[in-house]
C-alpha cells in the first residue's frame, strides 16, 4: 500500500519561494550593513594613521600640500 503523497500547489511553491527570497534578502542586507561598518572603521583607521604621519613629518604643511598636488 502506497503512502499518501501531498500534492504541493503552484501557489504554495510560490509562497515558499517568496519566503526564501525574503530570508535571503534579510541576510544580504545584514551582510552589507556589516561590510559598510567595517569599511568605515578601516577608513577611519587609515585617516588616523595618515594624520599621525603628517604630525611626525619634518615637512611643513605647505611642502606636504605641494607634494600631494604635484603631477607626475
N, C-alpha and C. Protein backbone atom coordinates (compact mmCIF):
# COMPACT_ATOMS: atom_id res chain seq x y z
N UNK A 1 0.85 -1.17 0.00
CA UNK A 1 0.00 0.00 0.00
C UNK A 1 0.90 1.24 0.00
N UNK A 2 0.66 2.09 -0.92
CA UNK A 2 1.47 3.29 -1.05
C UNK A 2 1.01 4.34 -0.06
N UNK A 3 1.98 5.10 0.44
CA UNK A 3 1.64 6.18 1.37
C UNK A 3 0.97 7.31 0.62
N UNK A 4 0.26 8.11 1.35
CA UNK A 4 -0.38 9.24 0.69
C UNK A 4 0.66 10.34 0.48
N UNK A 5 0.58 10.93 -0.65
CA UNK A 5 1.55 11.96 -1.02
C UNK A 5 0.80 13.26 -1.22
N UNK A 6 1.26 14.29 -0.54
CA UNK A 6 0.59 15.57 -0.64
C UNK A 6 1.07 16.28 -1.90
N UNK A 7 0.15 16.75 -2.66
CA UNK A 7 0.48 17.50 -3.86
C UNK A 7 0.63 18.96 -3.47
N UNK A 8 1.78 19.51 -3.80
CA UNK A 8 2.03 20.92 -3.49
C UNK A 8 1.54 21.76 -4.66
N UNK A 9 0.69 22.69 -4.35
CA UNK A 9 0.13 23.53 -5.42
C UNK A 9 1.15 24.57 -5.85
N UNK A 10 0.91 25.13 -6.98
CA UNK A 10 1.78 26.18 -7.51
C UNK A 10 1.81 27.38 -6.58
N UNK A 11 0.66 27.72 -6.01
CA UNK A 11 0.60 28.85 -5.08
C UNK A 11 1.46 28.59 -3.84
N UNK A 12 1.47 27.37 -3.35
CA UNK A 12 2.29 27.02 -2.19
C UNK A 12 3.78 27.11 -2.53
N UNK A 13 4.11 26.68 -3.73
CA UNK A 13 5.51 26.77 -4.17
C UNK A 13 5.94 28.23 -4.28
N UNK A 14 5.05 29.06 -4.81
CA UNK A 14 5.35 30.49 -4.93
C UNK A 14 5.54 31.10 -3.55
N UNK A 15 4.67 30.75 -2.62
CA UNK A 15 4.77 31.29 -1.27
C UNK A 15 6.09 30.88 -0.61
N UNK A 16 6.49 29.62 -0.78
CA UNK A 16 7.76 29.16 -0.20
C UNK A 16 8.93 29.88 -0.85
N UNK A 17 8.86 30.10 -2.15
CA UNK A 17 9.94 30.80 -2.85
C UNK A 17 10.03 32.24 -2.37
N UNK A 18 8.89 32.88 -2.16
CA UNK A 18 8.89 34.27 -1.67
C UNK A 18 9.49 34.34 -0.27
N UNK A 19 9.16 33.39 0.58
CA UNK A 19 9.74 33.36 1.93
C UNK A 19 11.25 33.18 1.87
N UNK A 20 11.70 32.30 0.98
CA UNK A 20 13.14 32.07 0.85
C UNK A 20 13.85 33.34 0.38
N UNK A 21 13.23 34.05 -0.56
CA UNK A 21 13.82 35.29 -1.07
C UNK A 21 13.89 36.33 0.04
N UNK A 22 12.83 36.44 0.83
CA UNK A 22 12.81 37.42 1.92
C UNK A 22 13.88 37.12 2.96
N UNK A 23 14.07 35.85 3.29
CA UNK A 23 15.10 35.47 4.26
C UNK A 23 16.49 35.75 3.70
N UNK A 24 16.67 35.42 2.43
CA UNK A 24 17.97 35.66 1.80
C UNK A 24 18.27 37.15 1.73
N UNK A 25 17.25 37.95 1.39
CA UNK A 25 17.45 39.40 1.32
C UNK A 25 17.80 39.97 2.69
N UNK A 26 17.16 39.47 3.73
CA UNK A 26 17.45 39.95 5.09
C UNK A 26 18.90 39.64 5.45
N UNK A 27 19.36 38.44 5.11
CA UNK A 27 20.76 38.08 5.39
C UNK A 27 21.71 38.93 4.55
N UNK A 28 21.36 39.17 3.30
CA UNK A 28 22.16 40.02 2.41
C UNK A 28 22.26 41.43 2.98
N UNK A 29 21.11 42.01 3.37
CA UNK A 29 21.10 43.37 3.92
C UNK A 29 21.96 43.46 5.18
N UNK A 30 21.89 42.46 6.03
CA UNK A 30 22.71 42.46 7.25
C UNK A 30 24.20 42.37 6.90
N UNK A 31 24.53 41.55 5.91
CA UNK A 31 25.93 41.41 5.49
C UNK A 31 26.44 42.71 4.89
N UNK A 32 25.63 43.38 4.10
CA UNK A 32 26.03 44.67 3.51
C UNK A 32 26.24 45.71 4.60
N UNK A 33 25.36 45.71 5.59
CA UNK A 33 25.50 46.66 6.70
C UNK A 33 26.81 46.41 7.46
N UNK A 34 27.11 45.14 7.71
CA UNK A 34 28.36 44.80 8.40
C UNK A 34 29.57 45.22 7.57
N UNK A 35 29.51 44.96 6.26
CA UNK A 35 30.61 45.33 5.38
C UNK A 35 30.83 46.84 5.39
N UNK A 36 29.77 47.60 5.29
CA UNK A 36 29.90 49.07 5.31
C UNK A 36 30.52 49.55 6.61
N UNK A 37 30.07 48.96 7.72
CA UNK A 37 30.61 49.36 9.01
C UNK A 37 32.11 49.05 9.09
N UNK A 38 32.51 47.89 8.61
CA UNK A 38 33.93 47.52 8.64
C UNK A 38 34.76 48.43 7.73
N UNK A 39 34.23 48.76 6.56
CA UNK A 39 34.94 49.65 5.65
C UNK A 39 35.08 51.05 6.25
N UNK A 40 34.05 51.51 6.94
CA UNK A 40 34.12 52.82 7.60
C UNK A 40 35.17 52.81 8.71
N UNK A 41 35.24 51.71 9.46
CA UNK A 41 36.26 51.61 10.52
C UNK A 41 37.65 51.61 9.93
N UNK A 42 37.84 50.87 8.83
CA UNK A 42 39.14 50.83 8.18
C UNK A 42 39.53 52.21 7.67
N UNK A 43 38.57 52.91 7.08
CA UNK A 43 38.83 54.25 6.57
C UNK A 43 39.22 55.19 7.71
N UNK A 44 38.55 55.09 8.84
CA UNK A 44 38.88 55.93 9.99
C UNK A 44 40.28 55.62 10.51
N UNK A 45 40.64 54.34 10.53
CA UNK A 45 41.98 53.95 10.97
C UNK A 45 43.04 54.51 10.03
N UNK A 46 42.78 54.44 8.73
CA UNK A 46 43.75 54.94 7.75
C UNK A 46 43.90 56.46 7.86
N UNK A 47 42.79 57.15 8.10
CA UNK A 47 42.86 58.60 8.28
C UNK A 47 43.67 58.95 9.52
N UNK A 48 43.46 58.19 10.59
CA UNK A 48 44.20 58.43 11.82
C UNK A 48 45.70 58.17 11.60
N UNK A 49 46.01 57.11 10.86
CA UNK A 49 47.41 56.79 10.56
C UNK A 49 48.05 57.89 9.72
N UNK A 50 47.31 58.40 8.76
CA UNK A 50 47.82 59.48 7.92
C UNK A 50 48.05 60.74 8.75
N UNK A 51 47.13 61.04 9.63
CA UNK A 51 47.28 62.22 10.48
C UNK A 51 48.52 62.10 11.36
N UNK A 52 48.75 60.93 11.94
CA UNK A 52 49.93 60.72 12.77
C UNK A 52 51.21 60.89 11.94
N UNK A 53 51.19 60.37 10.71
CA UNK A 53 52.36 60.50 9.84
C UNK A 53 52.62 61.98 9.51
N UNK A 54 51.57 62.72 9.28
CA UNK A 54 51.73 64.14 8.98
C UNK A 54 52.26 64.91 10.19
N UNK A 55 51.76 64.56 11.36
CA UNK A 55 52.21 65.24 12.57
C UNK A 55 53.68 64.96 12.88
N UNK A 56 54.13 63.77 12.55
CA UNK A 56 55.52 63.43 12.86
C UNK A 56 56.49 63.74 11.72
N UNK A 57 55.96 64.25 10.63
CA UNK A 57 56.80 64.55 9.47
C UNK A 57 57.61 65.83 9.71
N UNK A 58 58.85 65.85 9.23
CA UNK A 58 59.64 67.07 9.34
C UNK A 58 59.24 68.12 8.30
N UNK A 59 58.40 67.75 7.36
CA UNK A 59 57.97 68.66 6.30
C UNK A 59 56.91 69.63 6.81
N UNK A 60 56.87 70.80 6.19
CA UNK A 60 55.86 71.79 6.56
C UNK A 60 54.54 71.44 5.87
N UNK A 61 53.49 72.07 6.32
CA UNK A 61 52.18 71.88 5.72
C UNK A 61 52.22 72.21 4.24
N UNK A 62 52.85 73.34 3.90
CA UNK A 62 52.92 73.76 2.50
C UNK A 62 53.69 72.76 1.65
N UNK A 63 54.78 72.19 2.19
CA UNK A 63 55.55 71.20 1.44
C UNK A 63 54.71 69.94 1.18
N UNK A 64 53.98 69.54 2.18
CA UNK A 64 53.14 68.34 2.03
C UNK A 64 52.03 68.59 1.01
N UNK A 65 51.39 69.75 1.07
CA UNK A 65 50.33 70.08 0.14
C UNK A 65 50.89 70.17 -1.28
N UNK A 66 52.04 70.75 -1.43
CA UNK A 66 52.66 70.85 -2.75
C UNK A 66 52.94 69.46 -3.31
N UNK A 67 53.45 68.58 -2.47
CA UNK A 67 53.73 67.21 -2.90
C UNK A 67 52.44 66.50 -3.33
N UNK A 68 51.38 66.66 -2.54
CA UNK A 68 50.11 65.98 -2.86
C UNK A 68 49.47 66.50 -4.13
N UNK A 69 49.68 67.79 -4.41
CA UNK A 69 49.09 68.39 -5.61
C UNK A 69 49.94 68.20 -6.86
N UNK A 70 51.19 67.79 -6.69
CA UNK A 70 52.10 67.67 -7.82
C UNK A 70 51.66 66.55 -8.74
N UNK A 71 51.79 66.81 -10.03
CA UNK A 71 51.51 65.79 -11.03
C UNK A 71 52.81 65.13 -11.44
N UNK A 72 52.73 63.91 -11.79
CA UNK A 72 53.93 63.15 -12.18
C UNK A 72 54.48 63.67 -13.48
